[in-house]
Structures are given as C-alpha cells and as structure tokens.
Amino acid sequence: MKSRASSIRRGVSMMFAVGCLSFAAAPALAAGQGGSEQAPAPAVSGPAFVKLPLFNIPVIEGDKVTRLITVGVALELVEGLKPGSIEEKKPEVIDAFLRDLYAMFAQRSSTSRVAVEGSIKRRLAQTADRVLGPGKVRQVLIMDLLERPR
C-alpha cells in the first residue's frame, strides 16, 4: 500500500511538473518562438503612410471669419520609401500645405461649399511633389474634412 501511494504521488508530481513546463512554454510558442515545425511569417510589405497634424483654416470674408475648415491629411508614400526618409522635409511640407489651404479656401470663400475633397487632394499632391520631389508620394489621403459655419 505504501509503495502504491508513493507511486501515485510521484505520478502526480510528474504530471504537475510537465503541466507547469508546458504552461510556461505556451507564450513563447504563441509568439512564434520555439517549435521547429512552424515557418516564420513572411514580412509584410506595402506602402508607408505619414500622418500630418490637423489643419484648422479659418475662411475670412470681409473682416470676419465666416467658416472654419478642418483638414486631416496623410501621405501614402511609394512602395519602398520609409516614413523616416521624408522626416527632414516634413516641416516644409506642413508649411506648404498650410499656405496652399489658406490660399485655396480664400479663393473659394464666396462659394457655398469651400472644402471640396477632390480639389484639395489634387492641389496638395502637386505641392507634395514640389516640396519632396516627384514620385515620392503615391497619393494624398484626406482623413478628416469638416466645414463649419462661424
């Protein structure tokens, strides 16, 4: 009887130890570490995006602000170009976009709708090519566009 109880205790201890080891190894296996039967996941490739700060542009008619336009912009870079590659020119891009948006909205201030997405995208794409050089920005994405009366 004594040997049977001892044998059961050893078996329970062994199962406990194996359970603890497999529990400890589970996060590593889930993260792709260990286990030679799994091939590493292929690297994800594709374009990079650079999000710019929101632009808040007042539309001034006469001597008062009649509307406020908020524009959120992201640049989709051509494949292979990393966001860090334009980091040095990012302040210049922001300044040029800000100037263009002010000019564009001032020209359209008498219309019923100042913020027209297609026009904004085309103009900012031309500006991005001028500032960063042609062929670096695949497209300008309008993330937010809001026109509010004042």
Protein backbone atom coordinates (compact mmCIF):
# COMPACT_ATOMS: atom_id res chain seq x y z
CA MET A 1 0.00 0.00 0.00
CA LYS A 2 2.82 2.31 0.89
CA SER A 3 4.58 1.79 -2.45
CA ARG A 4 1.34 2.36 -4.34
CA ALA A 5 0.73 5.73 -2.57
CA SER A 6 4.34 6.70 -3.23
CA SER A 7 3.94 5.77 -6.89
CA ILE A 8 0.76 7.85 -7.17
CA ARG A 9 2.46 10.84 -5.55
CA ARG A 10 5.38 10.57 -7.97
CA GLY A 11 2.97 10.36 -10.90
CA VAL A 12 1.03 13.40 -9.72
CA SER A 13 4.29 15.30 -9.14
CA MET A 14 5.49 14.36 -12.62
CA MET A 15 2.20 15.47 -14.24
CA PHE A 16 2.33 18.73 -12.28
CA ALA A 17 5.91 19.40 -13.45
CA VAL A 18 5.04 18.64 -17.09
CA GLY A 19 1.96 20.86 -16.85
CA CYS A 20 3.99 23.74 -15.43
CA LEU A 21 6.63 23.42 -18.14
CA SER A 22 4.07 23.36 -20.93
CA PHE A 23 2.22 26.31 -19.36
CA ALA A 24 5.48 28.29 -19.22
CA ALA A 25 6.30 27.43 -22.84
CA ALA A 26 2.86 28.38 -24.20
CA PRO A 27 3.54 32.15 -24.54
CA ALA A 28 6.80 31.51 -26.38
CA LEU A 29 5.10 29.10 -28.78
CA ALA A 30 2.23 31.52 -29.34
CA ALA A 31 4.71 34.29 -30.15
CA GLY A 32 6.36 32.09 -32.76
CA GLN A 33 9.43 31.22 -30.69
CA GLY A 34 10.43 27.64 -30.43
CA GLY A 35 8.76 24.77 -32.22
CA SER A 36 10.69 23.90 -35.36
CA GLU A 37 7.59 22.83 -37.31
CA GLN A 38 6.41 26.44 -37.77
CA ALA A 39 7.91 28.51 -40.56
CA PRO A 40 8.48 32.20 -39.80
CA ALA A 41 5.73 34.51 -41.02
CA PRO A 42 6.61 36.41 -44.20
CA ALA A 43 7.44 40.08 -43.79
CA VAL A 44 4.56 42.41 -44.59
CA SER A 45 5.37 44.80 -47.38
CA GLY A 46 3.45 47.67 -48.82
CA PRO A 47 3.35 51.42 -48.82
CA ALA A 48 4.17 53.52 -45.78
CA PHE A 49 1.98 56.33 -44.53
CA VAL A 50 2.91 59.65 -42.93
CA LYS A 51 0.13 61.32 -40.97
CA LEU A 52 0.30 65.09 -40.73
CA PRO A 53 -1.26 67.21 -37.97
CA LEU A 54 -4.78 68.55 -38.42
CA PHE A 55 -5.03 71.80 -40.33
CA ASN A 56 -7.61 74.27 -38.96
CA ILE A 57 -8.14 77.01 -41.53
CA PRO A 58 -10.44 80.00 -40.99
CA VAL A 59 -12.28 81.32 -44.04
CA ILE A 60 -12.29 85.11 -43.87
CA GLU A 61 -14.83 87.15 -45.80
CA GLY A 62 -14.53 90.89 -45.45
CA ASP A 63 -13.35 91.43 -41.93
CA LYS A 64 -14.77 88.38 -40.17
CA VAL A 65 -14.35 84.62 -40.03
CA THR A 66 -17.37 83.00 -41.66
CA ARG A 67 -16.32 79.36 -41.61
CA LEU A 68 -13.72 77.07 -40.11
CA ILE A 69 -12.34 74.20 -42.17
CA THR A 70 -10.56 71.24 -40.54
CA VAL A 71 -8.49 69.01 -42.82
CA GLY A 72 -6.68 65.85 -41.73
CA VAL A 73 -4.09 64.60 -44.22
CA ALA A 74 -1.89 61.53 -44.59
CA LEU A 75 0.67 60.91 -47.30
CA GLU A 76 0.89 57.47 -48.88
CA LEU A 77 4.50 57.04 -49.91
CA VAL A 78 5.55 54.97 -52.90
CA GLU A 79 6.45 51.38 -52.08
CA GLY A 80 9.95 51.02 -50.70
CA LEU A 81 10.10 54.54 -49.27
CA LYS A 82 10.16 54.69 -45.46
CA PRO A 83 8.45 57.44 -43.42
CA GLY A 84 11.80 58.44 -41.93
CA SER A 85 13.12 59.33 -45.39
CA ILE A 86 10.91 62.44 -45.52
CA GLU A 87 11.20 63.36 -41.84
CA GLU A 88 13.69 66.15 -42.58
CA LYS A 89 11.30 67.79 -45.05
CA LYS A 90 8.11 67.23 -43.01
CA PRO A 91 8.04 70.77 -41.51
CA GLU A 92 8.42 72.21 -45.01
CA VAL A 93 5.55 70.01 -46.28
CA ILE A 94 3.30 71.11 -43.40
CA ASP A 95 4.09 74.78 -44.07
CA ALA A 96 3.47 74.42 -47.82
CA PHE A 97 0.17 72.58 -47.21
CA LEU A 98 -0.95 75.25 -44.75
CA ARG A 99 -0.20 78.03 -47.25
CA ASP A 100 -1.98 76.18 -50.06
CA LEU A 101 -5.08 75.51 -47.98
CA TYR A 102 -5.31 79.16 -46.87
CA ALA A 103 -4.98 80.32 -50.49
CA MET A 104 -7.42 77.75 -51.82
CA PHE A 105 -10.12 78.50 -49.25
CA ALA A 106 -9.68 82.26 -49.68
CA GLN A 107 -10.29 81.89 -53.44
CA ARG A 108 -13.43 79.85 -52.84
CA SER A 109 -14.80 81.85 -49.90
CA SER A 110 -17.81 83.11 -51.87
CA THR A 111 -18.99 79.61 -52.82
CA SER A 112 -21.50 77.61 -50.80
CA ARG A 113 -19.00 74.81 -50.09
CA VAL A 114 -15.36 75.76 -49.68
CA ALA A 115 -13.89 72.36 -48.79
CA VAL A 116 -14.06 70.06 -51.83
CA GLU A 117 -12.12 66.84 -51.28
CA GLY A 118 -11.06 66.22 -54.90
CA SER A 119 -9.68 69.75 -55.32
CA ILE A 120 -7.81 69.57 -52.01
CA LYS A 121 -6.23 66.20 -52.90
CA ARG A 122 -5.07 67.39 -56.32
CA ARG A 123 -3.59 70.63 -55.03
CA LEU A 124 -1.80 69.01 -52.08
CA ALA A 125 -0.44 66.23 -54.32
CA GLN A 126 1.12 68.88 -56.57
CA THR A 127 2.57 70.62 -53.52
CA ALA A 128 3.98 67.34 -52.16
CA ASP A 129 5.71 66.69 -55.50
CA ARG A 130 7.14 70.21 -55.49
CA VAL A 131 8.47 70.01 -51.92
CA LEU A 132 9.57 66.36 -51.68
CA GLY A 133 10.37 65.74 -55.33
CA PRO A 134 8.24 63.97 -57.93
CA GLY A 135 7.44 60.29 -57.46
CA LYS A 136 7.79 60.06 -53.67
CA VAL A 137 4.13 60.43 -52.69
CA ARG A 138 1.74 57.92 -54.26
CA GLN A 139 -1.32 59.84 -53.11
CA VAL A 140 -2.58 62.36 -50.61
CA LEU A 141 -5.28 60.90 -48.39
CA ILE A 142 -7.91 63.11 -46.78
CA MET A 143 -8.52 61.54 -43.37
CA ASP A 144 -10.80 64.28 -41.95
CA LEU A 145 -12.70 67.06 -43.68
CA LEU A 146 -15.07 69.28 -41.78
CA GLU A 147 -16.54 72.64 -42.75
CA ARG A 148 -18.37 74.54 -40.00
CA PRO A 149 -20.03 77.93 -40.13
CA ARG A 150 -18.94 80.52 -37.53
